[in-house]
Amino acid sequence: MKNLILIRHAKSNWDAPLQDIDRPLDQRGMKDAHLVSLNIHDFVPKTYVLWSSIAKRAADTARIFAHNILYPLECIVFKDELYTFDEKHLEKIIKSCDNKIESLIIFGHNAAMTNFVNKFGDVLISNVPTCGFVSLQFDTDYWEKIKKGKTKKIIVPKDLK
């Protein structure tokens, strides 16, 4: 059994003239990241690996979640290749995960997140919103063999407000 949690980065700040990769979270994004991360304890596996895009908004979201779910910040794996908006590329990264890892949490970007959960989950989601949490489960022991799985939990900030 493989467990995958995809979390879209929280809302970012578009005000500053920065490159996309350098955009930080805005105030709402920080609040939403705390709100969602404080409400996921029952849905996070006992052991897992946490990967994040290197984009500032995704990395900062991952750090907030890690802090609130008591995951060591120094154990977050930041991956250049997770700075992607393409679900096929995201799929390739996930399928390359070491099979010793049973549960994986990834912080990344849309449209890759929404398209991936719609391809691999059993619940259609029109859009994974910023700071959206989607938990999927696959009936296989091999990441490279994941196919249609079960959508176990969806948490979005507006449902917690």
N, C-alpha and C. Protein backbone atom coordinates (compact mmCIF):
# COMPACT_ATOMS: atom_id res chain seq x y z
N MET A 1 0.85 -1.18 0.00
CA MET A 1 0.00 0.00 0.00
C MET A 1 0.90 1.25 0.00
N LYS A 2 0.62 2.17 -0.88
CA LYS A 2 1.34 3.44 -0.95
C LYS A 2 0.36 4.58 -0.65
N ASN A 3 0.81 5.52 0.15
CA ASN A 3 0.02 6.69 0.52
C ASN A 3 0.70 7.93 -0.01
N LEU A 4 -0.06 8.78 -0.65
CA LEU A 4 0.47 10.01 -1.23
C LEU A 4 -0.42 11.17 -0.79
N ILE A 5 0.22 12.19 -0.24
CA ILE A 5 -0.50 13.42 0.10
C ILE A 5 0.10 14.53 -0.75
N LEU A 6 -0.77 15.20 -1.49
CA LEU A 6 -0.35 16.34 -2.30
C LEU A 6 -0.91 17.60 -1.66
N ILE A 7 -0.05 18.59 -1.47
CA ILE A 7 -0.47 19.86 -0.89
C ILE A 7 0.01 20.98 -1.81
N ARG A 8 -0.95 21.72 -2.30
CA ARG A 8 -0.60 22.86 -3.13
C ARG A 8 -0.10 23.98 -2.22
N HIS A 9 0.92 24.69 -2.66
CA HIS A 9 1.44 25.79 -1.85
C HIS A 9 0.32 26.75 -1.48
N ALA A 10 0.49 27.43 -0.36
CA ALA A 10 -0.49 28.42 0.08
C ALA A 10 -0.42 29.66 -0.82
N LYS A 11 -1.37 30.57 -0.62
CA LYS A 11 -1.50 31.77 -1.46
C LYS A 11 -0.23 32.60 -1.41
N SER A 12 0.21 33.00 -2.59
CA SER A 12 1.46 33.77 -2.68
C SER A 12 1.19 35.24 -2.96
N ASN A 13 2.22 36.01 -2.75
CA ASN A 13 2.16 37.46 -2.91
C ASN A 13 2.60 37.84 -4.33
N TRP A 14 1.71 38.52 -5.04
CA TRP A 14 2.01 38.94 -6.41
C TRP A 14 2.43 40.41 -6.49
N ASP A 15 2.48 41.09 -5.34
CA ASP A 15 2.75 42.53 -5.34
C ASP A 15 4.18 42.89 -5.71
N ALA A 16 5.13 42.14 -5.20
CA ALA A 16 6.53 42.47 -5.45
C ALA A 16 6.95 42.01 -6.86
N PRO A 17 7.78 42.79 -7.52
CA PRO A 17 8.25 42.42 -8.88
C PRO A 17 9.37 41.38 -8.80
N LEU A 18 8.97 40.13 -8.54
CA LEU A 18 9.95 39.04 -8.38
C LEU A 18 9.75 38.01 -9.47
N GLN A 19 10.76 37.19 -9.68
CA GLN A 19 10.60 36.04 -10.56
C GLN A 19 9.62 35.08 -9.89
N ASP A 20 8.91 34.30 -10.68
CA ASP A 20 7.90 33.38 -10.16
C ASP A 20 8.44 32.49 -9.04
N ILE A 21 9.60 31.94 -9.21
CA ILE A 21 10.17 31.01 -8.24
C ILE A 21 10.44 31.67 -6.88
N ASP A 22 10.60 32.99 -6.88
CA ASP A 22 10.94 33.73 -5.66
C ASP A 22 9.74 34.33 -4.93
N ARG A 23 8.53 34.15 -5.47
CA ARG A 23 7.36 34.75 -4.82
C ARG A 23 7.11 34.15 -3.44
N PRO A 24 6.97 34.99 -2.42
CA PRO A 24 6.71 34.50 -1.06
C PRO A 24 5.21 34.31 -0.82
N LEU A 25 4.88 33.77 0.33
CA LEU A 25 3.48 33.68 0.75
C LEU A 25 2.98 35.06 1.15
N ASP A 26 1.69 35.29 0.95
CA ASP A 26 1.12 36.52 1.49
C ASP A 26 0.53 36.19 2.87
N GLN A 27 -0.05 37.19 3.53
CA GLN A 27 -0.57 37.00 4.89
C GLN A 27 -1.63 35.89 4.93
N ARG A 28 -2.56 35.92 3.98
CA ARG A 28 -3.59 34.88 3.93
C ARG A 28 -2.97 33.50 3.75
N GLY A 29 -1.96 33.43 2.91
CA GLY A 29 -1.28 32.15 2.68
C GLY A 29 -0.66 31.60 3.95
N MET A 30 -0.03 32.46 4.72
CA MET A 30 0.57 32.01 5.98
C MET A 30 -0.51 31.53 6.96
N LYS A 31 -1.60 32.30 7.05
CA LYS A 31 -2.70 31.90 7.95
C LYS A 31 -3.32 30.58 7.50
N ASP A 32 -3.55 30.43 6.20
CA ASP A 32 -4.14 29.19 5.68
C ASP A 32 -3.22 27.99 5.91
N ALA A 33 -1.93 28.19 5.73
CA ALA A 33 -0.98 27.09 5.94
C ALA A 33 -1.03 26.61 7.40
N HIS A 34 -1.11 27.55 8.32
CA HIS A 34 -1.23 27.17 9.73
C HIS A 34 -2.57 26.49 9.98
N LEU A 35 -3.63 27.06 9.44
CA LEU A 35 -4.98 26.51 9.65
C LEU A 35 -5.08 25.07 9.16
N VAL A 36 -4.68 24.82 7.93
CA VAL A 36 -4.79 23.48 7.38
C VAL A 36 -3.84 22.52 8.11
N SER A 37 -2.61 22.93 8.32
CA SER A 37 -1.64 22.02 8.94
C SER A 37 -2.02 21.64 10.37
N LEU A 38 -2.77 22.49 11.03
CA LEU A 38 -3.22 22.17 12.39
C LEU A 38 -4.46 21.27 12.40
N ASN A 39 -4.99 20.96 11.22
CA ASN A 39 -6.20 20.14 11.11
C ASN A 39 -6.01 18.86 10.32
N ILE A 40 -4.77 18.42 10.15
CA ILE A 40 -4.52 17.22 9.34
C ILE A 40 -3.96 16.05 10.14
N HIS A 41 -3.75 16.21 11.43
CA HIS A 41 -3.08 15.17 12.21
C HIS A 41 -3.71 13.79 12.05
N ASP A 42 -5.02 13.72 11.97
CA ASP A 42 -5.70 12.43 11.84
C ASP A 42 -5.55 11.80 10.46
N PHE A 43 -5.02 12.56 9.51
CA PHE A 43 -4.96 12.09 8.12
C PHE A 43 -3.53 11.92 7.60
N VAL A 44 -2.55 12.12 8.49
CA VAL A 44 -1.15 11.99 8.11
C VAL A 44 -0.65 10.64 8.64
N PRO A 45 -0.02 9.82 7.78
CA PRO A 45 0.49 8.53 8.24
C PRO A 45 1.51 8.69 9.37
N LYS A 46 1.77 7.61 10.09
CA LYS A 46 2.72 7.67 11.22
C LYS A 46 4.13 7.98 10.74
N THR A 47 4.51 7.40 9.62
CA THR A 47 5.84 7.69 9.06
C THR A 47 5.67 8.09 7.60
N TYR A 48 6.49 9.01 7.18
CA TYR A 48 6.40 9.52 5.82
C TYR A 48 7.65 10.31 5.49
N VAL A 49 7.80 10.61 4.23
CA VAL A 49 8.87 11.48 3.73
C VAL A 49 8.20 12.71 3.15
N LEU A 50 8.81 13.85 3.35
CA LEU A 50 8.24 15.12 2.90
C LEU A 50 9.15 15.74 1.84
N TRP A 51 8.58 15.95 0.64
CA TRP A 51 9.30 16.58 -0.46
C TRP A 51 8.62 17.90 -0.79
N SER A 52 9.42 18.87 -1.23
CA SER A 52 8.86 20.16 -1.63
C SER A 52 9.56 20.70 -2.86
N SER A 53 8.79 21.44 -3.62
CA SER A 53 9.34 22.26 -4.70
C SER A 53 10.30 23.27 -4.07
N ILE A 54 11.27 23.71 -4.86
CA ILE A 54 12.21 24.72 -4.37
C ILE A 54 11.64 26.14 -4.42
N ALA A 55 10.49 26.33 -5.06
CA ALA A 55 9.89 27.66 -5.13
C ALA A 55 9.65 28.16 -3.70
N LYS A 56 9.92 29.42 -3.45
CA LYS A 56 9.81 29.97 -2.10
C LYS A 56 8.44 29.74 -1.49
N ARG A 57 7.37 29.94 -2.25
CA ARG A 57 6.02 29.78 -1.69
C ARG A 57 5.73 28.34 -1.30
N ALA A 58 6.23 27.38 -2.06
CA ALA A 58 6.04 25.96 -1.72
C ALA A 58 6.93 25.57 -0.54
N ALA A 59 8.18 26.01 -0.56
CA ALA A 59 9.11 25.69 0.52
C ALA A 59 8.63 26.28 1.85
N ASP A 60 8.13 27.50 1.82
CA ASP A 60 7.63 28.11 3.06
C ASP A 60 6.37 27.41 3.56
N THR A 61 5.51 26.99 2.64
CA THR A 61 4.32 26.22 3.03
C THR A 61 4.76 24.91 3.67
N ALA A 62 5.72 24.23 3.07
CA ALA A 62 6.23 22.96 3.62
C ALA A 62 6.81 23.17 5.02
N ARG A 63 7.54 24.25 5.21
CA ARG A 63 8.13 24.51 6.54
C ARG A 63 7.05 24.75 7.60
N ILE A 64 6.01 25.48 7.24
CA ILE A 64 4.92 25.73 8.20
C ILE A 64 4.25 24.41 8.56
N PHE A 65 3.93 23.59 7.56
CA PHE A 65 3.30 22.30 7.82
C PHE A 65 4.23 21.43 8.67
N ALA A 66 5.49 21.34 8.29
CA ALA A 66 6.44 20.51 9.02
C ALA A 66 6.50 20.93 10.49
N HIS A 67 6.57 22.20 10.73
CA HIS A 67 6.61 22.71 12.11
C HIS A 67 5.36 22.27 12.88
N ASN A 68 4.20 22.41 12.27
CA ASN A 68 2.95 22.12 12.96
C ASN A 68 2.63 20.63 13.09
N ILE A 69 3.22 19.80 12.24
CA ILE A 69 2.99 18.35 12.37
C ILE A 69 4.21 17.66 12.99
N LEU A 70 5.12 18.47 13.50
CA LEU A 70 6.30 17.98 14.22
C LEU A 70 7.22 17.13 13.36
N TYR A 71 7.41 17.55 12.13
CA TYR A 71 8.34 16.90 11.21
C TYR A 71 9.62 17.72 11.22
N PRO A 72 10.78 17.10 11.39
CA PRO A 72 12.03 17.87 11.45
C PRO A 72 12.28 18.68 10.17
N LEU A 73 12.45 19.98 10.34
CA LEU A 73 12.66 20.86 9.18
C LEU A 73 13.86 20.43 8.34
N GLU A 74 14.89 19.94 9.01
CA GLU A 74 16.10 19.55 8.28
C GLU A 74 15.90 18.27 7.46
N CYS A 75 14.78 17.59 7.64
CA CYS A 75 14.50 16.37 6.88
C CYS A 75 13.65 16.61 5.64
N ILE A 76 13.17 17.85 5.46
CA ILE A 76 12.43 18.16 4.24
C ILE A 76 13.39 18.04 3.05
N VAL A 77 12.96 17.35 2.01
CA VAL A 77 13.78 17.22 0.80
C VAL A 77 13.25 18.21 -0.23
N PHE A 78 14.07 19.19 -0.57
CA PHE A 78 13.69 20.19 -1.57
C PHE A 78 14.21 19.73 -2.92
N LYS A 79 13.29 19.62 -3.89
CA LYS A 79 13.64 19.07 -5.20
C LYS A 79 13.38 20.10 -6.30
N ASP A 80 14.42 20.39 -7.06
CA ASP A 80 14.29 21.30 -8.20
C ASP A 80 13.18 20.85 -9.15
N GLU A 81 13.12 19.54 -9.39
CA GLU A 81 12.18 19.02 -10.38
C GLU A 81 10.72 19.13 -9.94
N LEU A 82 10.47 19.41 -8.67
CA LEU A 82 9.08 19.61 -8.22
C LEU A 82 8.58 21.02 -8.54
N TYR A 83 9.45 21.87 -9.03
CA TYR A 83 9.01 23.18 -9.51
C TYR A 83 8.47 22.94 -10.93
N THR A 84 7.28 22.32 -10.97
CA THR A 84 6.66 21.96 -12.24
C THR A 84 5.16 22.21 -12.18
N PHE A 85 4.60 22.50 -13.31
CA PHE A 85 3.16 22.75 -13.42
C PHE A 85 2.51 21.66 -14.30
N ASP A 86 3.30 20.66 -14.66
CA ASP A 86 2.89 19.60 -15.58
C ASP A 86 2.69 18.29 -14.82
N GLU A 87 1.49 17.73 -14.88
CA GLU A 87 1.19 16.51 -14.13
C GLU A 87 1.98 15.31 -14.62
N LYS A 88 2.35 15.27 -15.88
CA LYS A 88 3.15 14.15 -16.38
C LYS A 88 4.53 14.15 -15.75
N HIS A 89 5.08 15.33 -15.59
CA HIS A 89 6.38 15.45 -14.93
C HIS A 89 6.25 15.09 -13.45
N LEU A 90 5.18 15.56 -12.81
CA LEU A 90 4.92 15.22 -11.40
C LEU A 90 4.76 13.71 -11.25
N GLU A 91 4.03 13.10 -12.15
CA GLU A 91 3.84 11.64 -12.12
C GLU A 91 5.18 10.92 -12.22
N LYS A 92 6.03 11.37 -13.10
CA LYS A 92 7.34 10.75 -13.27
C LYS A 92 8.16 10.84 -11.98
N ILE A 93 8.10 11.98 -11.31
CA ILE A 93 8.84 12.17 -10.06
C ILE A 93 8.30 11.22 -8.99
N ILE A 94 6.98 11.17 -8.85
CA ILE A 94 6.37 10.31 -7.83
C ILE A 94 6.68 8.85 -8.11
N LYS A 95 6.60 8.44 -9.37
CA LYS A 95 6.86 7.05 -9.71
C LYS A 95 8.33 6.67 -9.54
N SER A 96 9.21 7.66 -9.38
CA SER A 96 10.63 7.37 -9.15
C SER A 96 10.95 7.24 -7.66
N CYS A 97 9.97 7.42 -6.80
CA CYS A 97 10.17 7.34 -5.36
C CYS A 97 10.65 5.93 -4.97
N ASP A 98 11.56 5.86 -4.03
CA ASP A 98 12.07 4.59 -3.53
C ASP A 98 10.92 3.79 -2.92
N ASN A 99 10.80 2.53 -3.30
CA ASN A 99 9.71 1.69 -2.81
C ASN A 99 9.76 1.40 -1.32
N LYS A 100 10.89 1.68 -0.67
CA LYS A 100 10.98 1.53 0.79
C LYS A 100 10.11 2.57 1.48
N ILE A 101 9.81 3.67 0.79
CA ILE A 101 8.97 4.73 1.35
C ILE A 101 7.51 4.35 1.13
N GLU A 102 6.78 4.20 2.20
CA GLU A 102 5.37 3.82 2.11
C GLU A 102 4.47 5.05 1.91
N SER A 103 4.86 6.17 2.52
CA SER A 103 4.01 7.37 2.49
C SER A 103 4.86 8.58 2.14
N LEU A 104 4.32 9.39 1.23
CA LEU A 104 5.03 10.54 0.70
C LEU A 104 4.11 11.75 0.73
N ILE A 105 4.64 12.87 1.21
CA ILE A 105 3.91 14.14 1.18
C ILE A 105 4.69 15.07 0.26
N ILE A 106 3.97 15.68 -0.70
CA ILE A 106 4.62 16.58 -1.66
C ILE A 106 3.94 17.94 -1.64
N PHE A 107 4.75 18.99 -1.59
CA PHE A 107 4.29 20.37 -1.71
C PHE A 107 4.68 20.87 -3.09
N GLY A 108 3.66 21.31 -3.85
CA GLY A 108 3.94 21.72 -5.21
C GLY A 108 2.93 22.70 -5.75
N HIS A 109 2.70 22.60 -7.06
CA HIS A 109 2.03 23.65 -7.82
C HIS A 109 0.87 23.11 -8.67
N ASN A 110 -0.03 24.02 -9.00
CA ASN A 110 -1.07 23.75 -9.98
C ASN A 110 -0.54 24.14 -11.34
N ALA A 111 -0.98 23.61 -12.38
CA ALA A 111 -2.08 22.69 -12.62
C ALA A 111 -1.68 21.25 -12.39
N ALA A 112 -0.42 20.98 -12.11
CA ALA A 112 0.05 19.61 -11.91
C ALA A 112 -0.74 18.90 -10.81
N MET A 113 -0.99 19.60 -9.70
CA MET A 113 -1.69 18.98 -8.57
C MET A 113 -3.11 18.55 -8.96
N THR A 114 -3.88 19.48 -9.48
CA THR A 114 -5.27 19.16 -9.84
C THR A 114 -5.33 18.06 -10.89
N ASN A 115 -4.53 18.16 -11.92
CA ASN A 115 -4.56 17.15 -12.99
C ASN A 115 -4.11 15.79 -12.48
N PHE A 116 -3.12 15.77 -11.59
CA PHE A 116 -2.65 14.50 -11.03
C PHE A 116 -3.74 13.84 -10.19
N VAL A 117 -4.36 14.59 -9.28
CA VAL A 117 -5.38 13.97 -8.40
C VAL A 117 -6.59 13.53 -9.20
N ASN A 118 -6.89 14.20 -10.29
CA ASN A 118 -8.01 13.77 -11.12
C ASN A 118 -7.67 12.52 -11.94
N LYS A 119 -6.44 12.38 -12.32
CA LYS A 119 -6.02 11.18 -13.05
C LYS A 119 -5.91 9.98 -12.13
N PHE A 120 -5.39 10.17 -10.92
CA PHE A 120 -5.08 9.05 -10.05
C PHE A 120 -6.05 8.84 -8.89
N GLY A 121 -6.88 9.82 -8.59
CA GLY A 121 -7.86 9.67 -7.52
C GLY A 121 -9.20 9.24 -8.06
N ASP A 122 -10.14 8.95 -7.16
CA ASP A 122 -11.47 8.53 -7.58
C ASP A 122 -12.54 9.58 -7.29
N VAL A 123 -12.10 10.79 -6.98
CA VAL A 123 -13.02 11.92 -6.77
C VAL A 123 -12.56 13.05 -7.70
N LEU A 124 -13.46 13.54 -8.52
CA LEU A 124 -13.13 14.64 -9.42
C LEU A 124 -13.07 15.95 -8.64
N ILE A 125 -11.98 16.67 -8.80
CA ILE A 125 -11.78 17.94 -8.13
C ILE A 125 -11.59 19.00 -9.22
N SER A 126 -12.45 20.00 -9.25
CA SER A 126 -12.34 21.00 -10.31
C SER A 126 -11.05 21.80 -10.20
N ASN A 127 -10.59 22.02 -8.96
CA ASN A 127 -9.37 22.79 -8.73
C ASN A 127 -8.88 22.53 -7.32
N VAL A 128 -7.63 22.11 -7.17
CA VAL A 128 -7.04 22.03 -5.84
C VAL A 128 -6.64 23.47 -5.51
N PRO A 129 -7.32 24.09 -4.54
CA PRO A 129 -7.03 25.50 -4.25
C PRO A 129 -5.69 25.66 -3.53
N THR A 130 -5.23 26.88 -3.42
CA THR A 130 -4.01 27.12 -2.66
C THR A 130 -4.19 26.54 -1.27
N CYS A 131 -3.17 25.87 -0.80
CA CYS A 131 -3.13 25.19 0.50
C CYS A 131 -4.09 24.01 0.58
N GLY A 132 -4.55 23.53 -0.57
CA GLY A 132 -5.40 22.35 -0.59
C GLY A 132 -4.60 21.10 -0.29
N PHE A 133 -5.21 20.18 0.47
CA PHE A 133 -4.61 18.93 0.93
C PHE A 133 -5.42 17.79 0.32
N VAL A 134 -4.76 16.89 -0.40
CA VAL A 134 -5.44 15.75 -0.99
C VAL A 134 -4.64 14.49 -0.67
N SER A 135 -5.31 13.54 -0.02
CA SER A 135 -4.67 12.28 0.35
C SER A 135 -5.18 11.17 -0.57
N LEU A 136 -4.24 10.46 -1.18
CA LEU A 136 -4.55 9.35 -2.08
C LEU A 136 -3.92 8.07 -1.55
N GLN A 137 -4.57 6.95 -1.81
CA GLN A 137 -4.02 5.66 -1.41
C GLN A 137 -4.05 4.72 -2.61
N PHE A 138 -2.94 3.98 -2.78
CA PHE A 138 -2.79 3.08 -3.91
C PHE A 138 -2.57 1.66 -3.44
N ASP A 139 -3.25 0.72 -4.05
CA ASP A 139 -3.15 -0.68 -3.68
C ASP A 139 -2.00 -1.34 -4.45
N THR A 140 -0.79 -0.93 -4.10
CA THR A 140 0.42 -1.49 -4.71
C THR A 140 1.58 -1.27 -3.74
N ASP A 141 2.62 -2.04 -3.90
CA ASP A 141 3.83 -1.86 -3.10
C ASP A 141 4.93 -1.16 -3.90
N TYR A 142 4.59 -0.74 -5.12
CA TYR A 142 5.60 -0.16 -6.01
C TYR A 142 5.11 1.18 -6.55
N TRP A 143 5.86 2.23 -6.26
CA TRP A 143 5.47 3.57 -6.74
C TRP A 143 5.34 3.60 -8.26
N GLU A 144 6.24 2.91 -8.95
CA GLU A 144 6.20 2.97 -10.41
C GLU A 144 4.96 2.31 -11.00
N LYS A 145 4.23 1.55 -10.17
CA LYS A 145 3.03 0.86 -10.65
C LYS A 145 1.73 1.51 -10.17
N ILE A 146 1.81 2.70 -9.59
CA ILE A 146 0.56 3.32 -9.15
C ILE A 146 -0.33 3.59 -10.35
N LYS A 147 -1.61 3.35 -10.14
CA LYS A 147 -2.62 3.70 -11.12
C LYS A 147 -3.82 4.21 -10.33
N LYS A 148 -4.99 4.14 -10.85
CA LYS A 148 -6.15 4.70 -10.18
C LYS A 148 -6.19 4.25 -8.73
N GLY A 149 -6.19 5.22 -7.82
CA GLY A 149 -6.22 4.93 -6.40
C GLY A 149 -7.50 5.46 -5.77
N LYS A 150 -7.48 5.52 -4.46
CA LYS A 150 -8.64 5.98 -3.69
C LYS A 150 -8.31 7.35 -3.10
N THR A 151 -9.20 8.31 -3.31
CA THR A 151 -9.06 9.62 -2.67
C THR A 151 -9.57 9.47 -1.25
N LYS A 152 -8.68 9.58 -0.27
CA LYS A 152 -9.03 9.33 1.12
C LYS A 152 -9.53 10.58 1.84
N LYS A 153 -8.94 11.74 1.55
CA LYS A 153 -9.32 12.95 2.27
C LYS A 153 -8.94 14.18 1.44
N ILE A 154 -9.85 15.15 1.46
CA ILE A 154 -9.60 16.45 0.83
C ILE A 154 -9.88 17.51 1.90
N ILE A 155 -8.93 18.38 2.12
CA ILE A 155 -9.09 19.49 3.06
C ILE A 155 -8.69 20.77 2.35
N VAL A 156 -9.57 21.76 2.37
CA VAL A 156 -9.25 23.05 1.78
C VAL A 156 -9.50 24.13 2.83
N PRO A 157 -8.74 25.21 2.78
CA PRO A 157 -8.87 26.24 3.83
C PRO A 157 -10.29 26.76 4.05
N LYS A 158 -11.04 27.00 2.99
CA LYS A 158 -12.36 27.60 3.17
C LYS A 158 -13.31 26.70 3.96
N ASP A 159 -13.09 25.38 3.94
CA ASP A 159 -13.93 24.46 4.71
C ASP A 159 -13.62 24.51 6.20
N LEU A 160 -12.50 25.11 6.57
CA LEU A 160 -12.09 25.18 7.98
C LEU A 160 -12.38 26.54 8.59
N LYS A 161 -12.85 27.46 7.77
CA LYS A 161 -13.09 28.83 8.28
C LYS A 161 -14.52 29.00 8.72
